Amino acid sequence: MKIDSPEDISLAVAASTFAALGSEQRLHVLRTLVRSGPKGLTIGELGQRSGVTGSTLTHHMKILAQAGLVTQARQGRSILCAAVAYGELEHLSQFLLRECCADCPDCADTPGEDHSHG
């Protein structure tokens, strides 16, 4: 998944990406990788920090990699995992918010701004 701007996201791509993030454990694994920065973590370090290990971690990493959110690369005897889709995640957020209040007659004429409706 390569998303260059929020306007490039189709509903199908957005739904697919959100589906990959639709697991509490996968979301935790991704957040752990985002916190580690661009260098990433070995699969062992990722398991220790996230509390997700073994075949469960392998399964979640496969889904996140298929969605284009993370990479896995062999480095010597280790597997290095890293979050790679910082821009795509930002565009996905903007996809959700870009038409905020577009159909709300009581809102200001500035879609995307914070319109607290609470």
C-alpha atoms as a PDB file:
ATOM      1  CA  MET A   1       0.000   0.000   0.000  1.00  0.00           C
ATOM      2  CA  LYS A   2       1.601   3.248  -1.119  1.00  0.00           C
ATOM      3  CA  ILE A   3      -0.565   6.279  -0.418  1.00  0.00           C
ATOM      4  CA  ASP A   4       0.804   9.584  -1.656  1.00  0.00           C
ATOM      5  CA  SER A   5      -2.024  11.777  -0.361  1.00  0.00           C
ATOM      6  CA  PRO A   6      -5.359  11.432   1.442  1.00  0.00           C
ATOM      7  CA  GLU A   7      -7.117  12.004  -1.885  1.00  0.00           C
ATOM      8  CA  ASP A   8      -5.428   8.873  -3.303  1.00  0.00           C
ATOM      9  CA  ILE A   9      -7.103   6.557  -0.796  1.00  0.00           C
ATOM     10  CA  SER A  10     -10.043   4.570  -2.041  1.00  0.00           C
ATOM     11  CA  LEU A  11     -12.562   3.133   0.369  1.00  0.00           C
ATOM     12  CA  ALA A  12     -11.244  -0.343  -0.453  1.00  0.00           C
ATOM     13  CA  VAL A  13      -7.646   0.585   0.430  1.00  0.00           C
ATOM     14  CA  ALA A  14      -8.733   2.381   3.598  1.00  0.00           C
ATOM     15  CA  ALA A  15     -10.894  -0.571   4.654  1.00  0.00           C
ATOM     16  CA  SER A  16      -8.068  -3.020   3.994  1.00  0.00           C
ATOM     17  CA  THR A  17      -5.590  -0.976   6.011  1.00  0.00           C
ATOM     18  CA  PHE A  18      -8.005  -0.470   8.887  1.00  0.00           C
ATOM     19  CA  ALA A  19      -8.703  -4.232   8.824  1.00  0.00           C
ATOM     20  CA  ALA A  20      -4.971  -4.854   9.313  1.00  0.00           C
ATOM     21  CA  LEU A  21      -5.129  -2.533  12.317  1.00  0.00           C
ATOM     22  CA  GLY A  22      -8.336  -4.152  13.586  1.00  0.00           C
ATOM     23  CA  SER A  23      -6.634  -6.300  16.190  1.00  0.00           C
ATOM     24  CA  GLU A  24      -5.627  -4.946  19.577  1.00  0.00           C
ATOM     25  CA  GLN A  25      -2.431  -6.999  19.465  1.00  0.00           C
ATOM     26  CA  ARG A  26      -1.526  -5.872  15.916  1.00  0.00           C
ATOM     27  CA  LEU A  27      -2.133  -2.257  16.842  1.00  0.00           C
ATOM     28  CA  HIS A  28       0.081  -2.699  19.908  1.00  0.00           C
ATOM     29  CA  VAL A  29       2.837  -4.311  17.793  1.00  0.00           C
ATOM     30  CA  LEU A  30       2.676  -1.445  15.277  1.00  0.00           C
ATOM     31  CA  ARG A  31       2.755   1.191  18.019  1.00  0.00           C
ATOM     32  CA  THR A  32       5.755  -0.559  19.567  1.00  0.00           C
ATOM     33  CA  LEU A  33       7.563  -0.369  16.219  1.00  0.00           C
ATOM     34  CA  VAL A  34       6.563   3.272  15.702  1.00  0.00           C
ATOM     35  CA  ARG A  35       7.960   4.086  19.170  1.00  0.00           C
ATOM     36  CA  SER A  36      11.255   2.383  18.271  1.00  0.00           C
ATOM     37  CA  GLY A  37      11.852   4.706  15.323  1.00  0.00           C
ATOM     38  CA  PRO A  38      13.106   3.971  11.818  1.00  0.00           C
ATOM     39  CA  LYS A  39      15.863   1.561  12.924  1.00  0.00           C
ATOM     40  CA  GLY A  40      13.237  -0.853  14.199  1.00  0.00           C
ATOM     41  CA  LEU A  41      13.673  -3.813  16.521  1.00  0.00           C
ATOM     42  CA  THR A  42      14.749  -7.408  16.186  1.00  0.00           C
ATOM     43  CA  ILE A  43      11.869  -9.860  16.308  1.00  0.00           C
ATOM     44  CA  GLY A  44      13.053 -10.861  19.814  1.00  0.00           C
ATOM     45  CA  GLU A  45      13.112  -7.262  21.060  1.00  0.00           C
ATOM     46  CA  LEU A  46       9.703  -6.624  19.494  1.00  0.00           C
ATOM     47  CA  GLY A  47       8.295  -9.667  21.272  1.00  0.00           C
ATOM     48  CA  GLN A  48       9.729  -8.560  24.612  1.00  0.00           C
ATOM     49  CA  ARG A  49       8.494  -4.982  24.310  1.00  0.00           C
ATOM     50  CA  SER A  50       5.059  -5.825  22.955  1.00  0.00           C
ATOM     51  CA  GLY A  51       4.405  -8.972  24.964  1.00  0.00           C
ATOM     52  CA  VAL A  52       3.397 -10.756  21.740  1.00  0.00           C
ATOM     53  CA  THR A  53       5.693 -13.651  20.884  1.00  0.00           C
ATOM     54  CA  GLY A  54       6.133 -16.761  18.792  1.00  0.00           C
ATOM     55  CA  SER A  55       3.724 -17.739  16.069  1.00  0.00           C
ATOM     56  CA  THR A  56       1.244 -15.069  17.179  1.00  0.00           C
ATOM     57  CA  LEU A  57       3.798 -12.324  16.537  1.00  0.00           C
ATOM     58  CA  THR A  58       4.747 -13.909  13.209  1.00  0.00           C
ATOM     59  CA  HIS A  59       1.070 -13.954  12.192  1.00  0.00           C
ATOM     60  CA  HIS A  60       0.510 -10.315  13.142  1.00  0.00           C
ATOM     61  CA  MET A  61       3.720  -9.170  11.422  1.00  0.00           C
ATOM     62  CA  LYS A  62       2.656 -10.959   8.235  1.00  0.00           C
ATOM     63  CA  ILE A  63      -0.670  -9.099   8.171  1.00  0.00           C
ATOM     64  CA  LEU A  64       0.966  -5.741   8.927  1.00  0.00           C
ATOM     65  CA  ALA A  65       3.587  -6.367   6.224  1.00  0.00           C
ATOM     66  CA  GLN A  66       0.924  -7.293   3.655  1.00  0.00           C
ATOM     67  CA  ALA A  67      -0.783  -3.979   4.430  1.00  0.00           C
ATOM     68  CA  GLY A  68       2.526  -2.207   3.784  1.00  0.00           C
ATOM     69  CA  LEU A  69       2.781  -0.871   7.332  1.00  0.00           C
ATOM     70  CA  VAL A  70       5.944  -2.716   8.411  1.00  0.00           C
ATOM     71  CA  THR A  71       8.968  -4.441   6.938  1.00  0.00           C
ATOM     72  CA  GLN A  72      10.965  -7.446   8.023  1.00  0.00           C
ATOM     73  CA  ALA A  73      14.540  -7.936   6.873  1.00  0.00           C
ATOM     74  CA  ARG A  74      17.161 -10.485   7.792  1.00  0.00           C
ATOM     75  CA  GLN A  75      20.196  -8.862   9.376  1.00  0.00           C
ATOM     76  CA  GLY A  76      22.800 -11.495  10.125  1.00  0.00           C
ATOM     77  CA  ARG A  77      21.097 -14.081  12.302  1.00  0.00           C
ATOM     78  CA  SER A  78      18.289 -11.740  13.347  1.00  0.00           C
ATOM     79  CA  ILE A  79      15.101 -10.519  11.731  1.00  0.00           C
ATOM     80  CA  LEU A  80      14.794  -6.750  11.929  1.00  0.00           C
ATOM     81  CA  CYS A  81      11.248  -5.349  12.016  1.00  0.00           C
ATOM     82  CA  ALA A  82      10.412  -1.706  11.381  1.00  0.00           C
ATOM     83  CA  ALA A  83       7.380   0.494  10.857  1.00  0.00           C
ATOM     84  CA  VAL A  84       7.705   2.083   7.441  1.00  0.00           C
ATOM     85  CA  ALA A  85       4.419   3.710   6.628  1.00  0.00           C
ATOM     86  CA  TYR A  86       4.498   6.875   8.719  1.00  0.00           C
ATOM     87  CA  GLY A  87       3.254   8.998   5.806  1.00  0.00           C
ATOM     88  CA  GLU A  88       0.589   6.471   4.875  1.00  0.00           C
ATOM     89  CA  LEU A  89      -0.715   6.404   8.458  1.00  0.00           C
ATOM     90  CA  GLU A  90      -0.908  10.197   8.439  1.00  0.00           C
ATOM     91  CA  HIS A  91      -2.780  10.147   5.116  1.00  0.00           C
ATOM     92  CA  LEU A  92      -5.145   7.502   6.486  1.00  0.00           C
ATOM     93  CA  SER A  93      -5.984   9.820   9.400  1.00  0.00           C
ATOM     94  CA  GLN A  94      -6.539  12.709   7.003  1.00  0.00           C
ATOM     95  CA  PHE A  95      -8.771  10.454   4.889  1.00  0.00           C
ATOM     96  CA  LEU A  96     -11.086  10.114   7.887  1.00  0.00           C
ATOM     97  CA  LEU A  97     -11.065  13.804   8.771  1.00  0.00           C
ATOM     98  CA  ARG A  98     -10.891  15.644   5.439  1.00  0.00           C
ATOM     99  CA  GLU A  99     -14.646  15.944   5.075  1.00  0.00           C
ATOM    100  CA  CYS A 100     -15.367  16.628   8.720  1.00  0.00           C
ATOM    101  CA  CYS A 101     -18.661  18.479   9.088  1.00  0.00           C
ATOM    102  CA  ALA A 102     -19.121  18.825   5.314  1.00  0.00           C
ATOM    103  CA  ASP A 103     -22.844  18.146   5.746  1.00  0.00           C
ATOM    104  CA  CYS A 104     -23.270  19.978   9.046  1.00  0.00           C
ATOM    105  CA  PRO A 105     -25.159  23.256   8.542  1.00  0.00           C
ATOM    106  CA  ASP A 106     -24.308  24.448  12.061  1.00  0.00           C
ATOM    107  CA  CYS A 107     -20.535  24.096  11.600  1.00  0.00           C
ATOM    108  CA  ALA A 108     -18.069  26.704  10.427  1.00  0.00           C
ATOM    109  CA  ASP A 109     -17.018  26.703   6.776  1.00  0.00           C
ATOM    110  CA  THR A 110     -13.697  25.092   7.625  1.00  0.00           C
ATOM    111  CA  PRO A 111     -13.811  21.304   7.100  1.00  0.00           C
ATOM    112  CA  GLY A 112     -11.196  19.413   9.041  1.00  0.00           C
ATOM    113  CA  GLU A 113     -11.015  21.833  11.975  1.00  0.00           C
ATOM    114  CA  ASP A 114     -11.911  20.700  15.466  1.00  0.00           C
ATOM    115  CA  HIS A 115     -15.681  20.943  15.722  1.00  0.00           C
ATOM    116  CA  SER A 116     -16.477  19.629  19.174  1.00  0.00           C
ATOM    117  CA  HIS A 117     -20.045  18.440  19.064  1.00  0.00           C
ATOM    118  CA  GLY A 118     -20.219  17.212  22.625  1.00  0.00           C
END
